[in-house]
């Protein structure tokens, strides 16, 4: 396990990579990283959270707009759309246009 200071710096670097906008003080991060259970979580986050599996600020804004317009599928509606998509093109990846067609 890295030192508390080293882990705090690694976590700050991870936050920059995923474009996290909120400010967290060095003191707070060092305190958090000095607790064993929190340090284990921070290490896991640093090893698993990247810009590839998080939404950038602009993507999150667009998602929130879609959600406000009730254009985000969840639960049963999402499962139904995915089921229809699978029946349309079994075993193949769908384009965005094909996915839009499935939910219309």
C-alpha atoms as a PDB file:
ATOM      1  CA  UNK A   1       0.000   0.000   0.000  1.00  0.00           C
ATOM      2  CA  UNK A   2       1.326   3.460  -0.875  1.00  0.00           C
ATOM      3  CA  UNK A   3       1.990   6.105   1.769  1.00  0.00           C
ATOM      4  CA  UNK A   4      -0.944   8.337   2.694  1.00  0.00           C
ATOM      5  CA  UNK A   5       0.665  11.303   0.935  1.00  0.00           C
ATOM      6  CA  UNK A   6       1.480   9.254  -2.174  1.00  0.00           C
ATOM      7  CA  UNK A   7      -2.028   7.808  -2.283  1.00  0.00           C
ATOM      8  CA  UNK A   8      -3.565  11.273  -1.874  1.00  0.00           C
ATOM      9  CA  UNK A   9      -1.503  12.519  -4.829  1.00  0.00           C
ATOM     10  CA  UNK A  10      -2.474   9.494  -6.928  1.00  0.00           C
ATOM     11  CA  UNK A  11      -6.139  10.099  -6.118  1.00  0.00           C
ATOM     12  CA  UNK A  12      -5.834  13.785  -7.071  1.00  0.00           C
ATOM     13  CA  UNK A  13      -4.289  12.697 -10.366  1.00  0.00           C
ATOM     14  CA  UNK A  14      -7.176  10.281 -10.943  1.00  0.00           C
ATOM     15  CA  UNK A  15      -9.691  13.049 -10.242  1.00  0.00           C
ATOM     16  CA  UNK A  16      -7.947  15.312 -12.776  1.00  0.00           C
ATOM     17  CA  UNK A  17      -8.027  12.547 -15.388  1.00  0.00           C
ATOM     18  CA  UNK A  18     -11.777  12.106 -15.047  1.00  0.00           C
ATOM     19  CA  UNK A  19     -12.291  15.901 -15.068  1.00  0.00           C
ATOM     20  CA  UNK A  20     -13.732  16.038 -11.554  1.00  0.00           C
ATOM     21  CA  UNK A  21     -14.386  19.721 -10.946  1.00  0.00           C
ATOM     22  CA  UNK A  22     -14.823  19.903  -7.181  1.00  0.00           C
ATOM     23  CA  UNK A  23     -11.877  20.984  -5.060  1.00  0.00           C
ATOM     24  CA  UNK A  24     -10.681  18.706  -2.260  1.00  0.00           C
ATOM     25  CA  UNK A  25      -8.040  20.037   0.106  1.00  0.00           C
ATOM     26  CA  UNK A  26      -4.702  18.291   0.417  1.00  0.00           C
ATOM     27  CA  UNK A  27      -5.265  18.051   4.169  1.00  0.00           C
ATOM     28  CA  UNK A  28      -8.611  16.277   3.697  1.00  0.00           C
ATOM     29  CA  UNK A  29      -7.154  13.875   1.138  1.00  0.00           C
ATOM     30  CA  UNK A  30      -4.167  13.061   3.339  1.00  0.00           C
ATOM     31  CA  UNK A  31      -6.489  12.451   6.305  1.00  0.00           C
ATOM     32  CA  UNK A  32      -8.691  10.201   4.201  1.00  0.00           C
ATOM     33  CA  UNK A  33      -5.740   8.287   2.789  1.00  0.00           C
ATOM     34  CA  UNK A  34      -4.332   7.692   6.278  1.00  0.00           C
ATOM     35  CA  UNK A  35      -7.321   5.555   7.315  1.00  0.00           C
ATOM     36  CA  UNK A  36      -6.762   1.910   6.275  1.00  0.00           C
ATOM     37  CA  UNK A  37     -10.300   1.199   5.014  1.00  0.00           C
ATOM     38  CA  UNK A  38     -10.530   4.491   3.167  1.00  0.00           C
ATOM     39  CA  UNK A  39      -7.034   3.972   1.757  1.00  0.00           C
ATOM     40  CA  UNK A  40      -8.087   0.599   0.371  1.00  0.00           C
ATOM     41  CA  UNK A  41     -11.064   2.245  -1.332  1.00  0.00           C
ATOM     42  CA  UNK A  42      -8.902   5.046  -2.737  1.00  0.00           C
ATOM     43  CA  UNK A  43      -6.437   2.504  -4.122  1.00  0.00           C
ATOM     44  CA  UNK A  44      -9.280   0.590  -5.761  1.00  0.00           C
ATOM     45  CA  UNK A  45     -10.713   3.787  -7.241  1.00  0.00           C
ATOM     46  CA  UNK A  46      -7.317   4.855  -8.589  1.00  0.00           C
ATOM     47  CA  UNK A  47      -6.843   1.469 -10.217  1.00  0.00           C
ATOM     48  CA  UNK A  48     -10.315   1.200 -11.724  1.00  0.00           C
ATOM     49  CA  UNK A  49     -11.744   4.644 -12.449  1.00  0.00           C
ATOM     50  CA  UNK A  50     -10.576   6.222 -15.700  1.00  0.00           C
ATOM     51  CA  UNK A  51     -11.882   8.635 -18.291  1.00  0.00           C
ATOM     52  CA  UNK A  52     -12.921   5.557 -20.296  1.00  0.00           C
ATOM     53  CA  UNK A  53     -15.547   4.523 -17.730  1.00  0.00           C
ATOM     54  CA  UNK A  54     -16.797   7.870 -16.416  1.00  0.00           C
ATOM     55  CA  UNK A  55     -18.731  10.725 -17.950  1.00  0.00           C
ATOM     56  CA  UNK A  56     -16.880  13.944 -18.701  1.00  0.00           C
ATOM     57  CA  UNK A  57     -18.505  17.170 -17.508  1.00  0.00           C
ATOM     58  CA  UNK A  58     -20.083  17.896 -20.904  1.00  0.00           C
ATOM     59  CA  UNK A  59     -21.319  14.314 -21.242  1.00  0.00           C
ATOM     60  CA  UNK A  60     -22.908  14.535 -17.797  1.00  0.00           C
ATOM     61  CA  UNK A  61     -24.631  17.803 -18.748  1.00  0.00           C
ATOM     62  CA  UNK A  62     -26.037  16.178 -21.911  1.00  0.00           C
ATOM     63  CA  UNK A  63     -27.149  13.124 -19.912  1.00  0.00           C
ATOM     64  CA  UNK A  64     -28.954  15.341 -17.383  1.00  0.00           C
ATOM     65  CA  UNK A  65     -30.761  17.140 -20.211  1.00  0.00           C
ATOM     66  CA  UNK A  66     -31.891  13.785 -21.615  1.00  0.00           C
ATOM     67  CA  UNK A  67     -33.015  12.678 -18.171  1.00  0.00           C
ATOM     68  CA  UNK A  68     -35.001  15.909 -17.666  1.00  0.00           C
ATOM     69  CA  UNK A  69     -36.706  15.256 -21.021  1.00  0.00           C
ATOM     70  CA  UNK A  70     -37.423  11.689 -19.865  1.00  0.00           C
ATOM     71  CA  UNK A  71     -35.368  10.299 -22.748  1.00  0.00           C
ATOM     72  CA  UNK A  72     -33.265   7.963 -20.596  1.00  0.00           C
ATOM     73  CA  UNK A  73     -34.375   4.357 -20.490  1.00  0.00           C
ATOM     74  CA  UNK A  74     -34.204   2.565 -17.164  1.00  0.00           C
ATOM     75  CA  UNK A  75     -35.520  -0.634 -15.646  1.00  0.00           C
ATOM     76  CA  UNK A  76     -38.102  -2.534 -17.674  1.00  0.00           C
ATOM     77  CA  UNK A  77     -38.047  -0.014 -20.552  1.00  0.00           C
ATOM     78  CA  UNK A  78     -34.295  -0.437 -20.932  1.00  0.00           C
ATOM     79  CA  UNK A  79     -34.512  -4.240 -20.779  1.00  0.00           C
ATOM     80  CA  UNK A  80     -37.246  -4.223 -23.439  1.00  0.00           C
ATOM     81  CA  UNK A  81     -35.239  -1.957 -25.769  1.00  0.00           C
ATOM     82  CA  UNK A  82     -32.137  -4.110 -25.351  1.00  0.00           C
ATOM     83  CA  UNK A  83     -34.179  -7.252 -25.989  1.00  0.00           C
ATOM     84  CA  UNK A  84     -35.601  -5.752 -29.187  1.00  0.00           C
ATOM     85  CA  UNK A  85     -32.129  -4.690 -30.268  1.00  0.00           C
ATOM     86  CA  UNK A  86     -30.750  -8.207 -29.703  1.00  0.00           C
ATOM     87  CA  UNK A  87     -33.571  -9.736 -31.762  1.00  0.00           C
ATOM     88  CA  UNK A  88     -32.942  -7.238 -34.569  1.00  0.00           C
ATOM     89  CA  UNK A  89     -29.226  -8.032 -34.949  1.00  0.00           C
ATOM     90  CA  UNK A  90     -28.303 -11.096 -32.889  1.00  0.00           C
ATOM     91  CA  UNK A  91     -24.639 -11.151 -31.876  1.00  0.00           C
ATOM     92  CA  UNK A  92     -23.824  -7.841 -33.573  1.00  0.00           C
ATOM     93  CA  UNK A  93     -23.073  -4.421 -32.118  1.00  0.00           C
ATOM     94  CA  UNK A  94     -25.690  -1.833 -32.986  1.00  0.00           C
ATOM     95  CA  UNK A  95     -25.083   1.671 -34.238  1.00  0.00           C
ATOM     96  CA  UNK A  96     -26.537   4.640 -32.358  1.00  0.00           C
ATOM     97  CA  UNK A  97     -29.167   5.022 -35.088  1.00  0.00           C
ATOM     98  CA  UNK A  98     -30.228   1.383 -34.733  1.00  0.00           C
ATOM     99  CA  UNK A  99     -30.532   1.802 -30.975  1.00  0.00           C
ATOM    100  CA  UNK A 100     -32.651   4.930 -31.438  1.00  0.00           C
ATOM    101  CA  UNK A 101     -34.936   2.967 -33.762  1.00  0.00           C
ATOM    102  CA  UNK A 102     -35.397   0.262 -31.123  1.00  0.00           C
ATOM    103  CA  UNK A 103     -36.615   2.735 -28.521  1.00  0.00           C
ATOM    104  CA  UNK A 104     -39.003   4.666 -30.738  1.00  0.00           C
END
